[in-house]
């Protein structure tokens, strides 16, 4: 399998909404997620809405690296979010990304 193929497999898994519940625990049923249009650049940017308040923009990329792929997700600290809450949010995202890694490596 080529390096590009691995990154494409990761991209296809992540952008499939049916797979979100398998790895993205923070995106439960109460939240809506909309992804950027499919593209050949590995851009998985998405917007998350809990129904009240503005959508939260989450820049995300998948790109080839060595024998596999890397997933990069940026978490912006939202206005009015305490340092403690932001730390909790980033830990939650870390756990979700670790779950994604485990799924994709098995």
PDB file of N, CA and C in Angstrom:
ATOM      1  N   UNK A   1       0.849  -1.170   0.000  1.00  0.00           N
ATOM      2  CA  UNK A   1       0.000   0.000   0.000  1.00  0.00           C
ATOM      3  C   UNK A   1       0.903   1.243   0.000  1.00  0.00           C
ATOM      4  N   UNK A   2       0.591   2.189  -0.825  1.00  0.00           N
ATOM      5  CA  UNK A   2       1.397   3.404  -0.899  1.00  0.00           C
ATOM      6  C   UNK A   2       1.116   4.325   0.276  1.00  0.00           C
ATOM      7  N   UNK A   3       2.054   5.204   0.544  1.00  0.00           N
ATOM      8  CA  UNK A   3       1.881   6.176   1.625  1.00  0.00           C
ATOM      9  C   UNK A   3       0.626   7.003   1.381  1.00  0.00           C
ATOM     10  N   UNK A   4       0.447   7.434   0.160  1.00  0.00           N
ATOM     11  CA  UNK A   4      -0.717   8.247  -0.163  1.00  0.00           C
ATOM     12  C   UNK A   4      -2.007   7.458   0.068  1.00  0.00           C
ATOM     13  N   UNK A   5      -1.954   6.153  -0.186  1.00  0.00           N
ATOM     14  CA  UNK A   5      -3.140   5.321  -0.010  1.00  0.00           C
ATOM     15  C   UNK A   5      -3.531   5.249   1.470  1.00  0.00           C
ATOM     16  N   UNK A   6      -2.537   5.141   2.358  1.00  0.00           N
ATOM     17  CA  UNK A   6      -2.815   5.105   3.794  1.00  0.00           C
ATOM     18  C   UNK A   6      -3.501   6.397   4.221  1.00  0.00           C
ATOM     19  N   UNK A   7      -2.956   7.533   3.793  1.00  0.00           N
ATOM     20  CA  UNK A   7      -3.563   8.822   4.137  1.00  0.00           C
ATOM     21  C   UNK A   7      -4.979   8.921   3.581  1.00  0.00           C
ATOM     22  N   UNK A   8      -5.198   8.415   2.378  1.00  0.00           N
ATOM     23  CA  UNK A   8      -6.533   8.441   1.781  1.00  0.00           C
ATOM     24  C   UNK A   8      -7.495   7.564   2.572  1.00  0.00           C
ATOM     25  N   UNK A   9      -7.031   6.399   3.023  1.00  0.00           N
ATOM     26  CA  UNK A   9      -7.879   5.530   3.838  1.00  0.00           C
ATOM     27  C   UNK A   9      -8.273   6.217   5.141  1.00  0.00           C
ATOM     28  N   UNK A  10      -7.322   6.896   5.775  1.00  0.00           N
ATOM     29  CA  UNK A  10      -7.611   7.631   7.004  1.00  0.00           C
ATOM     30  C   UNK A  10      -8.627   8.733   6.712  1.00  0.00           C
ATOM     31  N   UNK A  11      -8.380   9.485   5.657  1.00  0.00           N
ATOM     32  CA  UNK A  11      -9.276  10.576   5.263  1.00  0.00           C
ATOM     33  C   UNK A  11     -10.698  10.046   5.059  1.00  0.00           C
ATOM     34  N   UNK A  12     -10.819   8.964   4.296  1.00  0.00           N
ATOM     35  CA  UNK A  12     -12.144   8.409   3.999  1.00  0.00           C
ATOM     36  C   UNK A  12     -12.860   7.935   5.255  1.00  0.00           C
ATOM     37  N   UNK A  13     -12.118   7.361   6.195  1.00  0.00           N
ATOM     38  CA  UNK A  13     -12.724   6.909   7.442  1.00  0.00           C
ATOM     39  C   UNK A  13     -13.220   8.087   8.268  1.00  0.00           C
ATOM     40  N   UNK A  14     -12.388   9.097   8.421  1.00  0.00           N
ATOM     41  CA  UNK A  14     -12.730  10.232   9.278  1.00  0.00           C
ATOM     42  C   UNK A  14     -13.899  11.034   8.721  1.00  0.00           C
ATOM     43  N   UNK A  15     -13.939  11.244   7.430  1.00  0.00           N
ATOM     44  CA  UNK A  15     -14.996  12.106   6.877  1.00  0.00           C
ATOM     45  C   UNK A  15     -16.330  11.389   6.694  1.00  0.00           C
ATOM     46  N   UNK A  16     -16.382  10.088   6.958  1.00  0.00           N
ATOM     47  CA  UNK A  16     -17.635   9.346   6.858  1.00  0.00           C
ATOM     48  C   UNK A  16     -18.422   9.539   8.151  1.00  0.00           C
ATOM     49  N   UNK A  17     -19.564  10.223   8.108  1.00  0.00           N
ATOM     50  CA  UNK A  17     -20.319  10.508   9.333  1.00  0.00           C
ATOM     51  C   UNK A  17     -20.725   9.246  10.103  1.00  0.00           C
ATOM     52  N   UNK A  18     -20.838   8.123   9.418  1.00  0.00           N
ATOM     53  CA  UNK A  18     -21.202   6.877  10.104  1.00  0.00           C
ATOM     54  C   UNK A  18     -20.110   6.416  11.059  1.00  0.00           C
ATOM     55  N   UNK A  19     -18.889   6.902  10.867  1.00  0.00           N
ATOM     56  CA  UNK A  19     -17.772   6.490  11.719  1.00  0.00           C
ATOM     57  C   UNK A  19     -17.535   7.405  12.913  1.00  0.00           C
ATOM     58  N   UNK A  20     -18.179   8.559  12.942  1.00  0.00           N
ATOM     59  CA  UNK A  20     -17.920   9.526  14.016  1.00  0.00           C
ATOM     60  C   UNK A  20     -18.136   8.937  15.405  1.00  0.00           C
ATOM     61  N   UNK A  21     -19.208   8.202  15.589  1.00  0.00           N
ATOM     62  CA  UNK A  21     -19.504   7.644  16.910  1.00  0.00           C
ATOM     63  C   UNK A  21     -18.452   6.638  17.358  1.00  0.00           C
ATOM     64  N   UNK A  22     -17.689   6.095  16.432  1.00  0.00           N
ATOM     65  CA  UNK A  22     -16.666   5.106  16.769  1.00  0.00           C
ATOM     66  C   UNK A  22     -15.446   5.723  17.427  1.00  0.00           C
ATOM     67  N   UNK A  23     -15.205   7.007  17.168  1.00  0.00           N
ATOM     68  CA  UNK A  23     -13.976   7.616  17.696  1.00  0.00           C
ATOM     69  C   UNK A  23     -14.162   9.008  18.296  1.00  0.00           C
ATOM     70  N   UNK A  24     -15.191   9.723  17.918  1.00  0.00           N
ATOM     71  CA  UNK A  24     -15.362  11.116  18.351  1.00  0.00           C
ATOM     72  C   UNK A  24     -16.415  11.192  19.451  1.00  0.00           C
ATOM     73  N   UNK A  25     -16.047  10.810  20.668  1.00  0.00           N
ATOM     74  CA  UNK A  25     -17.004  10.759  21.769  1.00  0.00           C
ATOM     75  C   UNK A  25     -17.582  12.128  22.119  1.00  0.00           C
ATOM     76  N   UNK A  26     -16.870  13.182  21.808  1.00  0.00           N
ATOM     77  CA  UNK A  26     -17.336  14.526  22.110  1.00  0.00           C
ATOM     78  C   UNK A  26     -18.408  15.029  21.164  1.00  0.00           C
ATOM     79  N   UNK A  27     -18.720  14.236  20.155  1.00  0.00           N
ATOM     80  CA  UNK A  27     -19.704  14.681  19.164  1.00  0.00           C
ATOM     81  C   UNK A  27     -20.987  13.873  19.271  1.00  0.00           C
ATOM     82  N   UNK A  28     -21.463  13.672  20.478  1.00  0.00           N
ATOM     83  CA  UNK A  28     -22.665  12.881  20.702  1.00  0.00           C
ATOM     84  C   UNK A  28     -23.854  13.342  19.873  1.00  0.00           C
ATOM     85  N   UNK A  29     -24.971  12.687  20.073  1.00  0.00           N
ATOM     86  CA  UNK A  29     -26.182  12.950  19.296  1.00  0.00           C
ATOM     87  C   UNK A  29     -26.676  14.391  19.402  1.00  0.00           C
ATOM     88  N   UNK A  30     -26.338  15.071  20.481  1.00  0.00           N
ATOM     89  CA  UNK A  30     -26.832  16.432  20.682  1.00  0.00           C
ATOM     90  C   UNK A  30     -26.091  17.444  19.810  1.00  0.00           C
ATOM     91  N   UNK A  31     -25.045  17.000  19.126  1.00  0.00           N
ATOM     92  CA  UNK A  31     -24.250  17.921  18.321  1.00  0.00           C
ATOM     93  C   UNK A  31     -24.381  17.598  16.842  1.00  0.00           C
ATOM     94  N   UNK A  32     -24.298  18.648  16.043  1.00  0.00           N
ATOM     95  CA  UNK A  32     -24.304  18.476  14.587  1.00  0.00           C
ATOM     96  C   UNK A  32     -22.924  18.831  14.077  1.00  0.00           C
ATOM     97  N   UNK A  33     -22.453  18.059  13.116  1.00  0.00           N
ATOM     98  CA  UNK A  33     -21.132  18.278  12.542  1.00  0.00           C
ATOM     99  C   UNK A  33     -21.283  18.416  11.037  1.00  0.00           C
ATOM    100  N   UNK A  34     -20.621  19.415  10.494  1.00  0.00           N
ATOM    101  CA  UNK A  34     -20.589  19.543   9.031  1.00  0.00           C
ATOM    102  C   UNK A  34     -19.132  19.694   8.614  1.00  0.00           C
ATOM    103  N   UNK A  35     -18.749  18.842   7.675  1.00  0.00           N
ATOM    104  CA  UNK A  35     -17.376  18.825   7.176  1.00  0.00           C
ATOM    105  C   UNK A  35     -17.231  19.685   5.930  1.00  0.00           C
ATOM    106  N   UNK A  36     -16.003  20.134   5.695  1.00  0.00           N
ATOM    107  CA  UNK A  36     -15.676  20.795   4.427  1.00  0.00           C
ATOM    108  C   UNK A  36     -15.937  19.790   3.300  1.00  0.00           C
ATOM    109  N   UNK A  37     -16.138  20.299   2.122  1.00  0.00           N
ATOM    110  CA  UNK A  37     -16.357  19.410   0.980  1.00  0.00           C
ATOM    111  C   UNK A  37     -15.166  18.480   0.810  1.00  0.00           C
ATOM    112  N   UNK A  38     -15.457  17.256   0.327  1.00  0.00           N
ATOM    113  CA  UNK A  38     -14.379  16.290   0.058  1.00  0.00           C
ATOM    114  C   UNK A  38     -13.373  16.948  -0.878  1.00  0.00           C
ATOM    115  N   UNK A  39     -12.112  16.625  -0.652  1.00  0.00           N
ATOM    116  CA  UNK A  39     -11.060  17.251  -1.438  1.00  0.00           C
ATOM    117  C   UNK A  39      -9.855  16.323  -1.494  1.00  0.00           C
ATOM    118  N   UNK A  40      -8.918  16.637  -2.366  1.00  0.00           N
ATOM    119  CA  UNK A  40      -7.735  15.793  -2.539  1.00  0.00           C
ATOM    120  C   UNK A  40      -6.554  16.252  -1.685  1.00  0.00           C
ATOM    121  N   UNK A  41      -6.771  17.216  -0.820  1.00  0.00           N
ATOM    122  CA  UNK A  41      -5.689  17.787  -0.031  1.00  0.00           C
ATOM    123  C   UNK A  41      -5.668  17.295   1.417  1.00  0.00           C
ATOM    124  N   UNK A  42      -6.597  16.440   1.796  1.00  0.00           N
ATOM    125  CA  UNK A  42      -6.643  15.929   3.160  1.00  0.00           C
ATOM    126  C   UNK A  42      -7.264  16.881   4.160  1.00  0.00           C
ATOM    127  N   UNK A  43      -7.980  17.878   3.675  1.00  0.00           N
ATOM    128  CA  UNK A  43      -8.620  18.856   4.564  1.00  0.00           C
ATOM    129  C   UNK A  43      -9.910  18.248   5.120  1.00  0.00           C
ATOM    130  N   UNK A  44      -9.967  18.160   6.441  1.00  0.00           N
ATOM    131  CA  UNK A  44     -11.130  17.620   7.138  1.00  0.00           C
ATOM    132  C   UNK A  44     -11.731  18.660   8.080  1.00  0.00           C
ATOM    133  N   UNK A  45     -11.566  19.928   7.736  1.00  0.00           N
ATOM    134  CA  UNK A  45     -12.120  20.990   8.576  1.00  0.00           C
ATOM    135  C   UNK A  45     -13.595  20.702   8.809  1.00  0.00           C
ATOM    136  N   UNK A  46     -14.038  20.994  10.019  1.00  0.00           N
ATOM    137  CA  UNK A  46     -15.445  20.789  10.316  1.00  0.00           C
ATOM    138  C   UNK A  46     -15.935  21.833  11.305  1.00  0.00           C
ATOM    139  N   UNK A  47     -17.251  21.967  11.344  1.00  0.00           N
ATOM    140  CA  UNK A  47     -17.928  22.913  12.210  1.00  0.00           C
ATOM    141  C   UNK A  47     -18.879  22.117  13.093  1.00  0.00           C
ATOM    142  N   UNK A  48     -18.829  22.394  14.389  1.00  0.00           N
ATOM    143  CA  UNK A  48     -19.637  21.660  15.349  1.00  0.00           C
ATOM    144  C   UNK A  48     -20.643  22.619  15.971  1.00  0.00           C
ATOM    145  N   UNK A  49     -21.885  22.160  16.048  1.00  0.00           N
ATOM    146  CA  UNK A  49     -22.947  22.958  16.640  1.00  0.00           C
ATOM    147  C   UNK A  49     -23.685  22.121  17.674  1.00  0.00           C
ATOM    148  N   UNK A  50     -23.928  22.714  18.835  1.00  0.00           N
ATOM    149  CA  UNK A  50     -24.699  22.037  19.874  1.00  0.00           C
ATOM    150  C   UNK A  50     -26.150  22.507  19.856  1.00  0.00           C
ATOM    151  N   UNK A  51     -26.503  23.287  18.858  1.00  0.00           N
ATOM    152  CA  UNK A  51     -27.867  23.778  18.746  1.00  0.00           C
ATOM    153  C   UNK A  51     -28.034  25.194  19.260  1.00  0.00           C
ATOM    154  N   UNK A  52     -27.367  25.507  20.355  1.00  0.00           N
ATOM    155  CA  UNK A  52     -27.424  26.872  20.867  1.00  0.00           C
ATOM    156  C   UNK A  52     -26.038  27.486  20.750  1.00  0.00           C
ATOM    157  N   UNK A  53     -26.000  28.731  20.402  1.00  0.00           N
ATOM    158  CA  UNK A  53     -24.710  29.398  20.247  1.00  0.00           C
ATOM    159  C   UNK A  53     -24.121  29.165  18.855  1.00  0.00           C
ATOM    160  N   UNK A  54     -23.001  29.795  18.604  1.00  0.00           N
ATOM    161  CA  UNK A  54     -22.392  29.699  17.279  1.00  0.00           C
ATOM    162  C   UNK A  54     -21.711  28.348  17.038  1.00  0.00           C
ATOM    163  N   UNK A  55     -21.539  28.024  15.767  1.00  0.00           N
ATOM    164  CA  UNK A  55     -20.781  26.832  15.409  1.00  0.00           C
ATOM    165  C   UNK A  55     -19.326  27.027  15.828  1.00  0.00           C
ATOM    166  N   UNK A  56     -18.672  25.931  16.154  1.00  0.00           N
ATOM    167  CA  UNK A  56     -17.263  25.965  16.517  1.00  0.00           C
ATOM    168  C   UNK A  56     -16.466  25.376  15.357  1.00  0.00           C
ATOM    169  N   UNK A  57     -15.514  26.153  14.869  1.00  0.00           N
ATOM    170  CA  UNK A  57     -14.675  25.742  13.739  1.00  0.00           C
ATOM    171  C   UNK A  57     -13.511  24.907  14.246  1.00  0.00           C
ATOM    172  N   UNK A  58     -13.305  23.736  13.630  1.00  0.00           N
ATOM    173  CA  UNK A  58     -12.233  22.822  14.008  1.00  0.00           C
ATOM    174  C   UNK A  58     -11.402  22.493  12.759  1.00  0.00           C
ATOM    175  N   UNK A  59     -10.271  23.170  12.557  1.00  0.00           N
ATOM    176  CA  UNK A  59      -9.413  22.839  11.424  1.00  0.00           C
ATOM    177  C   UNK A  59      -8.795  21.453  11.635  1.00  0.00           C
ATOM    178  N   UNK A  60      -8.823  20.625  10.602  1.00  0.00           N
ATOM    179  CA  UNK A  60      -8.299  19.263  10.712  1.00  0.00           C
ATOM    180  C   UNK A  60      -7.705  18.842   9.379  1.00  0.00           C
ATOM    181  N   UNK A  61      -6.587  18.134   9.440  1.00  0.00           N
ATOM    182  CA  UNK A  61      -5.909  17.668   8.232  1.00  0.00           C
ATOM    183  C   UNK A  61      -5.427  16.244   8.428  1.00  0.00           C
ATOM    184  N   UNK A  62      -5.338  15.510   7.344  1.00  0.00           N
ATOM    185  CA  UNK A  62      -4.651  14.221   7.330  1.00  0.00           C
ATOM    186  C   UNK A  62      -3.637  14.295   6.200  1.00  0.00           C
ATOM    187  N   UNK A  63      -2.431  13.834   6.486  1.00  0.00           N
ATOM    188  CA  UNK A  63      -1.385  13.885   5.466  1.00  0.00           C
ATOM    189  C   UNK A  63      -0.447  12.700   5.629  1.00  0.00           C
ATOM    190  N   UNK A  64       0.169  12.280   4.520  1.00  0.00           N
ATOM    191  CA  UNK A  64       1.097  11.146   4.580  1.00  0.00           C
ATOM    192  C   UNK A  64       2.326  11.489   5.406  1.00  0.00           C
ATOM    193  N   UNK A  65       2.857  10.451   6.098  1.00  0.00           N
ATOM    194  CA  UNK A  65       4.081  10.622   6.865  1.00  0.00           C
ATOM    195  C   UNK A  65       4.754   9.254   7.004  1.00  0.00           C
ATOM    196  N   UNK A  66       5.889   9.088   6.361  1.00  0.00           N
ATOM    197  CA  UNK A  66       6.591   7.811   6.428  1.00  0.00           C
ATOM    198  C   UNK A  66       5.723   6.690   5.905  1.00  0.00           C
ATOM    199  N   UNK A  67       5.556   5.645   6.726  1.00  0.00           N
ATOM    200  CA  UNK A  67       4.752   4.485   6.322  1.00  0.00           C
ATOM    201  C   UNK A  67       3.267   4.671   6.570  1.00  0.00           C
ATOM    202  N   UNK A  68       2.881   5.797   7.116  1.00  0.00           N
ATOM    203  CA  UNK A  68       1.483   5.965   7.479  1.00  0.00           C
ATOM    204  C   UNK A  68       0.956   7.345   7.201  1.00  0.00           C
ATOM    205  N   UNK A  69       0.182   7.832   8.141  1.00  0.00           N
ATOM    206  CA  UNK A  69      -0.461   9.135   7.990  1.00  0.00           C
ATOM    207  C   UNK A  69      -0.512   9.815   9.348  1.00  0.00           C
ATOM    208  N   UNK A  70      -0.598  11.120   9.316  1.00  0.00           N
ATOM    209  CA  UNK A  70      -0.754  11.940  10.519  1.00  0.00           C
ATOM    210  C   UNK A  70      -2.083  12.668  10.437  1.00  0.00           C
ATOM    211  N   UNK A  71      -2.717  12.824  11.585  1.00  0.00           N
ATOM    212  CA  UNK A  71      -3.943  13.615  11.680  1.00  0.00           C
ATOM    213  C   UNK A  71      -3.633  14.797  12.586  1.00  0.00           C
ATOM    214  N   UNK A  72      -3.929  15.973  12.102  1.00  0.00           N
ATOM    215  CA  UNK A  72      -3.684  17.204  12.855  1.00  0.00           C
ATOM    216  C   UNK A  72      -5.020  17.901  13.069  1.00  0.00           C
ATOM    217  N   UNK A  73      -5.342  18.170  14.321  1.00  0.00           N
ATOM    218  CA  UNK A  73      -6.591  18.841  14.678  1.00  0.00           C
ATOM    219  C   UNK A  73      -6.250  20.015  15.584  1.00  0.00           C
ATOM    220  N   UNK A  74      -6.731  21.177  15.226  1.00  0.00           N
ATOM    221  CA  UNK A  74      -6.485  22.379  16.019  1.00  0.00           C
ATOM    222  C   UNK A  74      -7.722  22.692  16.848  1.00  0.00           C
ATOM    223  N   UNK A  75      -7.493  22.951  18.134  1.00  0.00           N
ATOM    224  CA  UNK A  75      -8.585  23.337  19.027  1.00  0.00           C
ATOM    225  C   UNK A  75      -8.359  24.785  19.420  1.00  0.00           C
ATOM    226  N   UNK A  76      -9.272  25.643  19.017  1.00  0.00           N
ATOM    227  CA  UNK A  76      -9.196  27.046  19.395  1.00  0.00           C
ATOM    228  C   UNK A  76      -9.925  27.249  20.729  1.00  0.00           C
ATOM    229  N   UNK A  77      -9.341  28.029  21.579  1.00  0.00           N
ATOM    230  CA  UNK A  77     -10.002  28.374  22.835  1.00  0.00           C
ATOM    231  C   UNK A  77     -11.096  29.389  22.525  1.00  0.00           C
ATOM    232  N   UNK A  78     -12.312  29.042  22.867  1.00  0.00           N
ATOM    233  CA  UNK A  78     -13.465  29.886  22.567  1.00  0.00           C
ATOM    234  C   UNK A  78     -13.557  31.034  23.571  1.00  0.00           C
ATOM    235  N   UNK A  79     -14.098  32.170  23.129  1.00  0.00           N
ATOM    236  CA  UNK A  79     -14.251  33.316  24.037  1.00  0.00           C
ATOM    237  C   UNK A  79     -15.036  32.920  25.286  1.00  0.00           C
ATOM    238  N   UNK A  80     -14.546  33.362  26.424  1.00  0.00           N
ATOM    239  CA  UNK A  80     -15.227  33.085  27.684  1.00  0.00           C
ATOM    240  C   UNK A  80     -14.924  31.721  28.281  1.00  0.00           C
ATOM    241  N   UNK A  81     -14.080  30.937  27.633  1.00  0.00           N
ATOM    242  CA  UNK A  81     -13.735  29.609  28.138  1.00  0.00           C
ATOM    243  C   UNK A  81     -12.572  29.725  29.119  1.00  0.00           C
ATOM    244  N   UNK A  82     -12.752  29.180  30.299  1.00  0.00           N
ATOM    245  CA  UNK A  82     -11.690  29.231  31.306  1.00  0.00           C
ATOM    246  C   UNK A  82     -10.521  28.335  30.891  1.00  0.00           C
ATOM    247  N   UNK A  83      -9.380  28.574  31.505  1.00  0.00           N
ATOM    248  CA  UNK A  83      -8.212  27.731  31.230  1.00  0.00           C
ATOM    249  C   UNK A  83      -8.500  26.280  31.582  1.00  0.00           C
ATOM    250  N   UNK A  84      -9.204  26.071  32.686  1.00  0.00           N
ATOM    251  CA  UNK A  84      -9.526  24.712  33.120  1.00  0.00           C
ATOM    252  C   UNK A  84     -10.426  24.004  32.113  1.00  0.00           C
ATOM    253  N   UNK A  85     -11.447  24.703  31.645  1.00  0.00           N
ATOM    254  CA  UNK A  85     -12.375  24.116  30.665  1.00  0.00           C
ATOM    255  C   UNK A  85     -11.655  23.835  29.351  1.00  0.00           C
ATOM    256  N   UNK A  86     -10.796  24.752  28.938  1.00  0.00           N
ATOM    257  CA  UNK A  86     -10.036  24.554  27.711  1.00  0.00           C
ATOM    258  C   UNK A  86      -9.118  23.338  27.850  1.00  0.00           C
ATOM    259  N   UNK A  87      -8.488  23.170  28.995  1.00  0.00           N
ATOM    260  CA  UNK A  87      -7.630  22.003  29.242  1.00  0.00           C
ATOM    261  C   UNK A  87      -8.452  20.717  29.177  1.00  0.00           C
ATOM    262  N   UNK A  88      -9.649  20.737  29.758  1.00  0.00           N
ATOM    263  CA  UNK A  88     -10.541  19.574  29.691  1.00  0.00           C
ATOM    264  C   UNK A  88     -10.903  19.260  28.245  1.00  0.00           C
ATOM    265  N   UNK A  89     -11.254  20.301  27.479  1.00  0.00           N
ATOM    266  CA  UNK A  89     -11.637  20.114  26.074  1.00  0.00           C
ATOM    267  C   UNK A  89     -10.490  19.518  25.262  1.00  0.00           C
ATOM    268  N   UNK A  90      -9.286  20.033  25.469  1.00  0.00           N
ATOM    269  CA  UNK A  90      -8.150  19.525  24.683  1.00  0.00           C
ATOM    270  C   UNK A  90      -7.812  18.091  25.088  1.00  0.00           C
ATOM    271  N   UNK A  91      -7.989  17.745  26.358  1.00  0.00           N
ATOM    272  CA  UNK A  91      -7.771  16.354  26.781  1.00  0.00           C
ATOM    273  C   UNK A  91      -8.805  15.433  26.148  1.00  0.00           C
ATOM    274  N   UNK A  92     -10.031  15.910  26.044  1.00  0.00           N
ATOM    275  CA  UNK A  92     -11.095  15.126  25.418  1.00  0.00           C
ATOM    276  C   UNK A  92     -10.741  14.876  23.952  1.00  0.00           C
ATOM    277  N   UNK A  93     -10.301  15.899  23.278  1.00  0.00           N
ATOM    278  CA  UNK A  93      -9.904  15.753  21.871  1.00  0.00           C
ATOM    279  C   UNK A  93      -8.741  14.777  21.757  1.00  0.00           C
ATOM    280  N   UNK A  94      -7.781  14.869  22.660  1.00  0.00           N
ATOM    281  CA  UNK A  94      -6.644  13.935  22.653  1.00  0.00           C
ATOM    282  C   UNK A  94      -7.128  12.490  22.782  1.00  0.00           C
ATOM    283  N   UNK A  95      -8.063  12.252  23.715  1.00  0.00           N
ATOM    284  CA  UNK A  95      -8.601  10.892  23.884  1.00  0.00           C
ATOM    285  C   UNK A  95      -9.307  10.421  22.614  1.00  0.00           C
ATOM    286  N   UNK A  96     -10.056  11.312  21.991  1.00  0.00           N
ATOM    287  CA  UNK A  96     -10.738  10.946  20.745  1.00  0.00           C
ATOM    288  C   UNK A  96      -9.732  10.610  19.651  1.00  0.00           C
ATOM    289  N   UNK A  97      -8.671  11.389  19.532  1.00  0.00           N
ATOM    290  CA  UNK A  97      -7.658  11.117  18.518  1.00  0.00           C
ATOM    291  C   UNK A  97      -6.906   9.821  18.813  1.00  0.00           C
ATOM    292  N   UNK A  98      -6.686   9.529  20.087  1.00  0.00           N
ATOM    293  CA  UNK A  98      -6.065   8.247  20.446  1.00  0.00           C
ATOM    294  C   UNK A  98      -6.982   7.086  20.097  1.00  0.00           C
ATOM    295  N   UNK A  99      -8.289   7.253  20.284  1.00  0.00           N
ATOM    296  CA  UNK A  99      -9.259   6.227  19.895  1.00  0.00           C
ATOM    297  C   UNK A  99      -9.236   6.029  18.383  1.00  0.00           C
ATOM    298  N   UNK A 100      -9.174   7.132  17.645  1.00  0.00           N
ATOM    299  CA  UNK A 100      -9.090   7.050  16.185  1.00  0.00           C
ATOM    300  C   UNK A 100      -7.844   6.277  15.767  1.00  0.00           C
ATOM    301  N   UNK A 101      -6.719   6.589  16.375  1.00  0.00           N
ATOM    302  CA  UNK A 101      -5.463   5.902  16.067  1.00  0.00           C
ATOM    303  C   UNK A 101      -5.587   4.409  16.319  1.00  0.00           C
ATOM    304  N   UNK A 102      -6.163   4.045  17.458  1.00  0.00           N
ATOM    305  CA  UNK A 102      -6.315   2.636  17.792  1.00  0.00           C
ATOM    306  C   UNK A 102      -7.189   1.906  16.774  1.00  0.00           C
ATOM    307  N   UNK A 103      -8.287   2.525  16.402  1.00  0.00           N
ATOM    308  CA  UNK A 103      -9.184   1.924  15.400  1.00  0.00           C
ATOM    309  C   UNK A 103      -8.471   1.719  14.081  1.00  0.00           C
ATOM    310  N   UNK A 104      -7.750   2.738  13.640  1.00  0.00           N
ATOM    311  CA  UNK A 104      -7.117   2.682  12.321  1.00  0.00           C
ATOM    312  C   UNK A 104      -5.904   1.758  12.286  1.00  0.00           C
ATOM    313  N   UNK A 105      -5.301   1.506  13.438  1.00  0.00           N
ATOM    314  CA  UNK A 105      -4.119   0.645  13.453  1.00  0.00           C
ATOM    315  C   UNK A 105      -4.460  -0.825  13.665  1.00  0.00           C
ATOM    316  N   UNK A 106      -5.738  -1.133  13.920  1.00  0.00           N
ATOM    317  CA  UNK A 106      -6.109  -2.534  14.103  1.00  0.00           C
ATOM    318  C   UNK A 106      -6.733  -3.101  12.867  1.00  0.00           C
TER     319      UNK A 106
END
